[in-house]
Amino acid sequence: MSARASAHADKTIHQPFLLANKSMTIPPNTILRGPVFPEPVQVIVATPRGAGMQIIGRGLNTNQVYDRILTPDQLEKLDASPETEPFDGSPKKFRLGIEALRLGLAYEYDPYFSLSIARVDPLPHQLEAVYEYFMKLPRIRFLLADDPGAGKTIMAGLLIKELKIRGLIKRILIITPANLTFQWQRELKDKFRESFEIIRSDILRANYGSNPWQDKNQLITSVSWVSRIEDAKESLLRSRWDLVIVDEAHKMSAYSSEKKTLAYQLGEALSRMTDHFLLMTATPHKGDPENFSLFLQLLDRDVYGDVKSLERAMEEREAPLISSHAGRILKIRKPLWMSVSSRSKAGRTLAKSPSPRTNTAPPSASAKTTSSTSCSIAPRPSRP
């Protein structure tokens, strides 16, 4: 049995006995519990001292060393674990402990484990985005562009569940427009059983003297409020997050490198404070290459350093780092996986772009049909 299972079993099936005999010896490694100590104590040495006994032990929770001489009255209040396991503990609690360990490792055997604990029926394109692209990267930094109503919230919820099951994230921040905060809270609770709290100005005032951004692990807030109110922004940026999700992320776009909006400055700061960064929008491109390049720099400032890098990435279906040296253009390999699929309104995949290693030009943006277009963009690790 693993150390974790043994610790759980130790807390569950031990039935302590009373130290009624004050002259008895307490062997090393005995676990003492009672009001005398603030935590369970593992005995290192127990030496009789007159009618009492000197106990030198180590706290199981804090590893603090205790050295105390206990009177007979104090010894009577102590319970000690038996020398041999009685195996008379609660079988229900033992089964719950084993079941918790099993569920903690279930993702290693079921790659779609979160679907069995979520109340959703995802479409194929949602599964493809989460399991074929997001989960295969050690550092998830994606721009997820899809039509309104295509299920971007479900993709984000599946991503949250999978990362939490694996123990990769704990602190999650979701930034949305003000009118969508309650919708996000409701859908994550109903469909994924994830409880998020909404931080507004009244919550910040009610917690004067403390920082609710640091006290809570799963929060939702409004991009317009937190980017404009200086006190809210400063307290937010004192915290570090494991995953940041931005809905309607085009609101964080900048007009130029010299004229950055408050929302864009917030996005830059958050990008530096998290490993996993997911931008979601239905309108990623406004027809201005410089604007689009600045927008993608929230994900990776090196890959999308200028418009030329972005144009080369779109032509070659991979993200190069382009720099000039001695009049030549040097290309540092940093592949970009760019998947463009046309889906019907029902979500069925109709066509998919060629391999990202080919030099086929991307589909024309002017070709409009009754189907919608979905794009997933993220840097992939360089090939050896």
Protein backbone atom coordinates (compact mmCIF):
# COMPACT_ATOMS: atom_id res chain seq x y z
CA MET A 1 0.00 0.00 0.00
CA SER A 2 1.29 3.48 -0.80
CA ALA A 3 2.34 5.98 1.87
CA ARG A 4 -0.78 8.00 1.19
CA ALA A 5 -3.01 4.94 1.63
CA SER A 6 -1.14 3.93 4.78
CA ALA A 7 -1.60 7.39 6.26
CA HIS A 8 -5.29 7.26 5.46
CA ALA A 9 -5.62 3.80 6.98
CA ASP A 10 -3.72 4.93 10.10
CA LYS A 11 -6.24 7.73 10.65
CA THR A 12 -9.21 5.48 9.95
CA ILE A 13 -8.84 1.99 11.39
CA HIS A 14 -6.84 2.61 14.56
CA GLN A 15 -8.93 2.14 17.69
CA PRO A 16 -6.88 3.74 20.51
CA PHE A 17 -6.81 2.38 24.03
CA LEU A 18 -6.65 4.31 27.28
CA LEU A 19 -3.36 4.81 29.11
CA ALA A 20 -4.88 3.74 32.39
CA ASN A 21 -1.79 2.03 33.73
CA LYS A 22 0.52 4.89 34.61
CA SER A 23 3.49 2.60 35.17
CA MET A 24 3.29 1.11 31.71
CA THR A 25 6.03 1.69 29.18
CA ILE A 26 5.26 3.48 25.95
CA PRO A 27 7.25 1.98 23.07
CA PRO A 28 8.73 4.21 20.34
CA ASN A 29 6.57 5.05 17.31
CA THR A 30 3.39 4.93 19.40
CA ILE A 31 0.89 7.59 18.28
CA LEU A 32 -0.51 9.64 21.18
CA ARG A 33 -3.70 11.65 20.88
CA GLY A 34 -5.47 13.84 23.41
CA PRO A 35 -5.93 17.38 24.74
CA VAL A 36 -2.38 17.44 26.09
CA PHE A 37 -0.92 17.88 22.60
CA PRO A 38 -2.27 20.15 19.84
CA GLU A 39 -1.80 17.37 17.27
CA PRO A 40 -1.15 13.61 17.10
CA VAL A 41 2.38 12.91 18.37
CA GLN A 42 4.61 10.01 17.44
CA VAL A 43 6.70 8.93 20.43
CA ILE A 44 10.46 9.01 20.00
CA VAL A 45 11.46 8.30 23.62
CA ALA A 46 9.28 7.79 26.71
CA THR A 47 11.08 7.84 30.08
CA PRO A 48 9.40 7.37 33.52
CA ARG A 49 9.90 10.37 35.84
CA GLY A 50 8.55 9.54 39.28
CA ALA A 51 4.80 9.16 39.05
CA GLY A 52 4.79 10.82 35.66
CA MET A 53 6.51 10.25 32.36
CA GLN A 54 8.70 12.33 30.05
CA ILE A 55 7.51 12.17 26.44
CA ILE A 56 9.73 13.22 23.55
CA GLY A 57 7.83 12.98 20.30
CA ARG A 58 7.24 14.44 16.85
CA GLY A 59 4.02 16.04 15.68
CA LEU A 60 2.52 14.25 12.69
CA ASN A 61 1.12 17.44 11.14
CA THR A 62 3.88 20.00 11.73
CA ASN A 63 6.95 17.78 12.45
CA GLN A 64 7.44 19.87 15.60
CA VAL A 65 9.35 18.12 18.42
CA TYR A 66 7.60 17.99 21.80
CA ASP A 67 9.47 17.37 25.07
CA ARG A 68 7.10 17.31 28.02
CA ILE A 69 6.82 15.68 31.44
CA LEU A 70 3.26 14.51 31.91
CA THR A 71 1.51 13.97 35.23
CA PRO A 72 -0.64 10.88 35.90
CA ASP A 73 -3.78 12.98 35.32
CA GLN A 74 -2.48 14.06 31.92
CA LEU A 75 -1.54 10.49 31.01
CA GLU A 76 -5.10 9.39 31.73
CA LYS A 77 -6.37 11.81 29.09
CA LEU A 78 -4.14 10.35 26.36
CA ASP A 79 -5.10 7.69 23.87
CA ALA A 80 -2.42 5.57 22.22
CA SER A 81 -2.48 3.50 19.07
CA PRO A 82 -2.18 -0.24 19.79
CA GLU A 83 1.02 -2.11 19.07
CA THR A 84 -0.77 -4.45 16.69
CA GLU A 85 -3.48 -3.52 14.23
CA PRO A 86 -6.91 -4.62 15.51
CA PHE A 87 -8.52 -4.44 12.03
CA ASP A 88 -11.81 -3.42 13.58
CA GLY A 89 -12.17 -0.03 11.91
CA SER A 90 -15.03 1.17 9.76
CA PRO A 91 -15.09 -0.74 6.44
CA LYS A 92 -17.18 2.03 4.85
CA LYS A 93 -14.53 4.65 5.60
CA PHE A 94 -11.80 2.35 4.35
CA ARG A 95 -13.67 1.79 1.09
CA LEU A 96 -14.15 5.54 0.69
CA GLY A 97 -10.41 6.06 1.14
CA ILE A 98 -9.56 3.44 -1.47
CA GLU A 99 -12.16 4.87 -3.84
CA ALA A 100 -10.65 8.35 -3.45
CA LEU A 101 -7.24 6.97 -4.39
CA ARG A 102 -8.72 5.17 -7.40
CA LEU A 103 -10.47 8.28 -8.69
CA GLY A 104 -7.27 10.26 -8.25
CA LEU A 105 -5.53 7.98 -10.74
CA ALA A 106 -8.47 7.35 -13.09
CA TYR A 107 -7.29 9.89 -15.68
CA GLU A 108 -4.25 7.72 -16.43
CA TYR A 109 -6.51 4.95 -17.73
CA ASP A 110 -9.40 6.99 -19.17
CA PRO A 111 -8.27 9.91 -21.35
CA TYR A 112 -11.85 11.28 -21.39
CA PHE A 113 -12.43 10.86 -17.67
CA SER A 114 -13.93 14.32 -17.10
CA LEU A 115 -16.83 13.41 -19.41
CA SER A 116 -17.97 10.78 -16.92
CA ILE A 117 -18.24 13.33 -14.09
CA ALA A 118 -19.59 16.27 -16.09
CA ARG A 119 -23.18 16.90 -17.16
CA VAL A 120 -22.42 17.67 -20.78
CA ASP A 121 -22.75 15.94 -24.14
CA PRO A 122 -19.88 17.52 -26.08
CA LEU A 123 -19.68 17.77 -29.85
CA PRO A 124 -16.77 16.28 -31.83
CA HIS A 125 -15.08 19.64 -32.45
CA GLN A 126 -15.11 20.37 -28.70
CA LEU A 127 -13.44 17.05 -27.88
CA GLU A 128 -10.87 17.64 -30.61
CA ALA A 129 -9.93 21.06 -29.28
CA VAL A 130 -9.53 19.91 -25.66
CA TYR A 131 -8.01 16.45 -26.02
CA GLU A 132 -6.13 16.66 -29.32
CA TYR A 133 -4.61 20.12 -28.80
CA PHE A 134 -4.96 21.56 -25.29
CA MET A 135 -4.09 18.49 -23.22
CA LYS A 136 -1.11 17.50 -25.35
CA LEU A 137 0.83 20.64 -24.42
CA PRO A 138 2.74 21.05 -21.16
CA ARG A 139 2.05 24.80 -21.21
CA ILE A 140 -1.40 25.64 -22.56
CA ARG A 141 -1.47 29.04 -24.26
CA PHE A 142 -4.17 29.07 -26.91
CA LEU A 143 -6.35 31.42 -28.88
CA LEU A 144 -9.68 29.64 -29.32
CA ALA A 145 -11.68 31.33 -32.08
CA ASP A 146 -15.17 30.03 -32.76
CA ASP A 147 -18.64 31.33 -33.56
CA PRO A 148 -20.99 32.50 -30.80
CA GLY A 149 -22.92 29.56 -29.40
CA ALA A 150 -20.36 27.00 -30.58
CA GLY A 151 -19.64 25.83 -27.04
CA LYS A 152 -16.47 27.65 -26.02
CA THR A 153 -17.67 27.56 -22.40
CA ILE A 154 -17.94 23.77 -22.56
CA MET A 155 -14.40 23.52 -23.93
CA ALA A 156 -13.14 25.71 -21.10
CA GLY A 157 -15.05 23.63 -18.54
CA LEU A 158 -13.62 20.37 -19.87
CA LEU A 159 -10.13 21.86 -19.75
CA ILE A 160 -10.64 22.95 -16.13
CA LYS A 161 -11.87 19.51 -15.07
CA GLU A 162 -9.04 17.63 -16.80
CA LEU A 163 -6.31 19.85 -15.37
CA LYS A 164 -7.80 19.71 -11.87
CA ILE A 165 -8.11 15.91 -11.97
CA ARG A 166 -4.43 15.69 -12.84
CA GLY A 167 -3.52 18.04 -9.99
CA LEU A 168 -1.97 20.54 -12.41
CA ILE A 169 -4.03 23.57 -11.44
CA LYS A 170 -5.67 24.88 -8.29
CA ARG A 171 -6.10 28.63 -8.73
CA ILE A 172 -8.32 29.61 -11.67
CA LEU A 173 -9.31 33.09 -12.83
CA ILE A 174 -11.98 33.72 -15.47
CA ILE A 175 -12.30 37.21 -16.97
CA THR A 176 -15.46 37.97 -18.92
CA PRO A 177 -17.63 40.95 -19.89
CA ALA A 178 -19.79 42.11 -17.00
CA ASN A 179 -23.01 40.77 -18.51
CA LEU A 180 -21.58 37.23 -18.80
CA THR A 181 -20.19 36.73 -15.28
CA PHE A 182 -23.35 35.12 -13.85
CA GLN A 183 -23.78 32.98 -16.99
CA TRP A 184 -20.28 31.57 -16.56
CA GLN A 185 -20.87 30.94 -12.86
CA ARG A 186 -24.17 29.16 -13.52
CA GLU A 187 -22.91 26.97 -16.37
CA LEU A 188 -19.76 25.86 -14.56
CA LYS A 189 -21.83 24.94 -11.52
CA ASP A 190 -24.62 23.16 -13.39
CA LYS A 191 -22.55 21.34 -16.01
CA PHE A 192 -19.21 20.73 -14.27
CA ARG A 193 -20.00 21.02 -10.53
CA GLU A 194 -17.36 23.72 -10.19
CA SER A 195 -18.11 26.56 -7.77
CA PHE A 196 -16.78 29.98 -8.75
CA GLU A 197 -17.23 33.25 -6.90
CA ILE A 198 -17.75 36.57 -8.64
CA ILE A 199 -15.55 39.45 -7.47
CA ARG A 200 -17.14 42.89 -7.78
CA SER A 201 -16.59 46.24 -6.13
CA ASP A 202 -18.93 45.42 -3.23
CA ILE A 203 -17.01 42.19 -2.49
CA LEU A 204 -13.74 44.12 -2.51
CA ARG A 205 -15.11 46.74 -0.10
CA ALA A 206 -16.60 44.11 2.21
CA ASN A 207 -13.18 42.43 2.51
CA TYR A 208 -11.28 45.56 3.47
CA GLY A 209 -7.93 44.64 4.99
CA SER A 210 -7.74 41.31 3.15
CA ASN A 211 -7.23 40.29 -0.46
CA PRO A 212 -10.10 38.13 -1.81
CA TRP A 213 -8.03 37.39 -4.93
CA GLN A 214 -5.62 35.46 -2.72
CA ASP A 215 -8.16 33.96 -0.32
CA LYS A 216 -10.26 32.27 -3.04
CA ASN A 217 -9.03 29.78 -5.63
CA GLN A 218 -11.79 29.95 -8.28
CA LEU A 219 -12.94 33.43 -9.26
CA ILE A 220 -14.79 35.25 -12.03
CA THR A 221 -14.57 38.98 -12.64
CA SER A 222 -15.42 41.63 -15.21
CA VAL A 223 -12.74 42.83 -17.60
CA SER A 224 -14.12 46.37 -17.78
CA TRP A 225 -14.20 46.75 -13.99
CA VAL A 226 -10.90 45.15 -13.01
CA SER A 227 -8.92 46.90 -15.77
CA ARG A 228 -10.22 50.40 -14.93
CA ILE A 229 -10.39 50.38 -11.13
CA GLU A 230 -6.82 50.79 -9.94
CA ASP A 231 -7.34 49.28 -6.48
CA ALA A 232 -8.97 46.17 -7.94
CA LYS A 233 -6.22 45.75 -10.53
CA GLU A 234 -3.40 46.20 -8.00
CA SER A 235 -4.85 43.65 -5.59
CA LEU A 236 -5.44 41.20 -8.46
CA LEU A 237 -1.87 41.45 -9.71
CA ARG A 238 -0.52 40.51 -6.28
CA SER A 239 -1.76 36.97 -6.88
CA ARG A 240 -0.45 34.25 -9.14
CA TRP A 241 -2.80 31.97 -11.07
CA ASP A 242 -2.44 28.48 -12.50
CA LEU A 243 -5.00 29.05 -15.28
CA VAL A 244 -6.43 32.28 -16.68
CA ILE A 245 -9.35 32.18 -19.13
CA VAL A 246 -10.48 35.32 -20.97
CA ASP A 247 -13.87 35.29 -22.69
CA GLU A 248 -14.55 37.84 -25.45
CA ALA A 249 -10.78 38.28 -25.50
CA HIS A 250 -10.87 40.70 -28.45
CA LYS A 251 -11.71 43.36 -25.86
CA MET A 252 -8.07 43.09 -24.79
CA SER A 253 -6.73 44.06 -28.21
CA ALA A 254 -4.50 47.14 -28.64
CA TYR A 255 -4.55 49.74 -31.42
CA SER A 256 -0.75 50.01 -31.60
CA SER A 257 2.31 49.30 -29.48
CA GLU A 258 2.30 52.96 -28.38
CA LYS A 259 -1.45 53.08 -27.69
CA LYS A 260 -2.36 50.14 -25.48
CA THR A 261 -5.76 49.97 -23.84
CA LEU A 262 -6.18 49.35 -20.11
CA ALA A 263 -7.61 45.91 -20.88
CA TYR A 264 -4.56 45.05 -23.02
CA GLN A 265 -2.21 46.13 -20.23
CA LEU A 266 -4.14 43.85 -17.87
CA GLY A 267 -3.77 40.99 -20.35
CA GLU A 268 0.00 41.56 -20.56
CA ALA A 269 0.32 41.45 -16.77
CA LEU A 270 -1.80 38.30 -16.43
CA SER A 271 0.13 36.57 -19.22
CA ARG A 272 3.30 36.93 -17.18
CA MET A 273 1.63 35.62 -14.01
CA THR A 274 0.27 32.32 -15.27
CA ASP A 275 1.47 29.24 -17.10
CA HIS A 276 -1.83 28.34 -18.76
CA PHE A 277 -3.54 31.16 -20.68
CA LEU A 278 -6.67 30.64 -22.79
CA LEU A 279 -8.12 33.44 -24.93
CA MET A 280 -11.58 32.88 -26.40
CA THR A 281 -13.32 35.08 -28.95
CA ALA A 282 -15.52 34.91 -32.03
CA THR A 283 -13.79 37.90 -33.70
CA PRO A 284 -10.01 37.52 -33.32
CA HIS A 285 -9.04 39.47 -36.45
CA LYS A 286 -10.21 43.02 -37.12
CA GLY A 287 -8.56 43.33 -40.53
CA ASP A 288 -5.45 45.02 -39.12
CA PRO A 289 -2.33 42.79 -39.13
CA GLU A 290 -0.58 44.91 -36.51
CA ASN A 291 -3.59 44.73 -34.22
CA PHE A 292 -3.75 40.95 -34.66
CA SER A 293 -0.01 40.60 -34.02
CA LEU A 294 -0.28 42.56 -30.78
CA PHE A 295 -3.25 40.43 -29.77
CA LEU A 296 -1.29 37.19 -30.27
CA GLN A 297 1.66 38.61 -28.35
CA LEU A 298 -0.43 38.09 -25.22
CA LEU A 299 0.23 34.38 -25.80
CA ASP A 300 3.87 34.55 -26.91
CA ARG A 301 5.82 37.77 -27.42
CA ASP A 302 8.71 35.97 -29.15
CA VAL A 303 6.77 34.09 -31.81
CA TYR A 304 4.54 37.02 -32.79
CA GLY A 305 7.06 39.81 -32.35
CA ASP A 306 6.06 41.67 -35.52
CA VAL A 307 3.69 41.50 -38.48
CA LYS A 308 6.29 39.77 -40.66
CA SER A 309 6.51 36.87 -38.20
CA LEU A 310 2.74 36.51 -38.24
CA GLU A 311 2.54 36.58 -42.04
CA ARG A 312 5.27 33.95 -42.31
CA ALA A 313 3.44 31.77 -39.79
CA MET A 314 0.22 31.98 -41.80
CA GLU A 315 2.02 31.17 -45.06
CA GLU A 316 3.98 28.19 -43.78
CA ARG A 317 1.52 26.93 -41.17
CA GLU A 318 4.19 27.14 -38.46
CA ALA A 319 5.41 29.91 -36.20
CA PRO A 320 9.00 30.97 -37.01
CA LEU A 321 11.15 33.37 -35.05
CA ILE A 322 12.41 35.74 -37.74
CA SER A 323 15.39 38.02 -37.22
CA SER A 324 17.78 39.76 -39.58
CA HIS A 325 21.48 39.03 -39.35
CA ALA A 326 24.06 40.22 -41.90
CA GLY A 327 21.34 40.97 -44.40
CA ARG A 328 19.90 37.47 -44.23
CA ILE A 329 16.72 36.14 -42.69
CA LEU A 330 17.36 33.45 -40.14
CA LYS A 331 14.55 31.07 -39.25
CA ILE A 332 14.55 29.47 -35.81
CA ARG A 333 12.31 26.44 -35.80
CA LYS A 334 9.36 26.87 -33.46
CA PRO A 335 6.42 25.05 -35.04
CA LEU A 336 2.89 26.34 -34.77
CA TRP A 337 -0.04 23.99 -35.03
CA MET A 338 -2.91 25.71 -36.74
CA SER A 339 -6.07 23.73 -37.31
CA VAL A 340 -8.86 25.16 -39.41
CA SER A 341 -11.99 23.08 -39.76
CA SER A 342 -15.33 23.93 -41.33
CA ARG A 343 -18.29 22.73 -39.35
CA SER A 344 -21.97 22.75 -40.00
CA LYS A 345 -24.22 24.38 -37.46
CA ALA A 346 -24.85 20.94 -35.98
CA GLY A 347 -21.15 20.63 -35.20
CA ARG A 348 -20.27 17.91 -37.75
CA THR A 349 -16.79 18.26 -39.22
CA LEU A 350 -17.09 18.71 -43.00
CA ALA A 351 -13.53 19.49 -44.05
CA LYS A 352 -10.16 19.91 -42.45
CA SER A 353 -7.04 21.74 -43.58
CA PRO A 354 -3.98 19.81 -44.80
CA SER A 355 -1.11 18.92 -42.51
CA PRO A 356 0.57 21.95 -40.89
CA ARG A 357 3.85 20.91 -42.48
CA THR A 358 2.54 21.63 -45.97
CA ASN A 359 2.78 25.03 -47.64
CA THR A 360 -0.79 25.11 -48.87
CA ALA A 361 -2.27 28.56 -48.50
CA PRO A 362 -4.96 28.97 -45.85
CA PRO A 363 -8.60 29.05 -46.91
CA SER A 364 -9.81 32.39 -48.17
CA ALA A 365 -11.60 34.46 -45.56
CA SER A 366 -13.99 35.77 -48.20
CA ALA A 367 -15.39 32.32 -48.97
CA LYS A 368 -18.57 32.34 -46.90
CA THR A 369 -20.92 29.39 -46.74
CA THR A 370 -23.61 28.24 -44.38
CA SER A 371 -20.97 26.54 -42.23
CA SER A 372 -18.83 28.20 -39.57
CA THR A 373 -15.05 28.27 -39.13
CA SER A 374 -13.14 27.16 -36.04
CA CYS A 375 -9.47 27.95 -35.41
CA SER A 376 -7.18 26.67 -32.68
CA ILE A 377 -3.71 28.16 -32.48
CA ALA A 378 -0.88 27.25 -30.13
CA PRO A 379 2.91 26.86 -30.21
CA ARG A 380 4.20 23.29 -30.09
CA PRO A 381 7.56 22.12 -28.77
CA SER A 382 10.37 22.08 -31.35
CA ARG A 383 11.18 18.78 -32.95
CA PRO A 384 14.61 17.36 -32.15
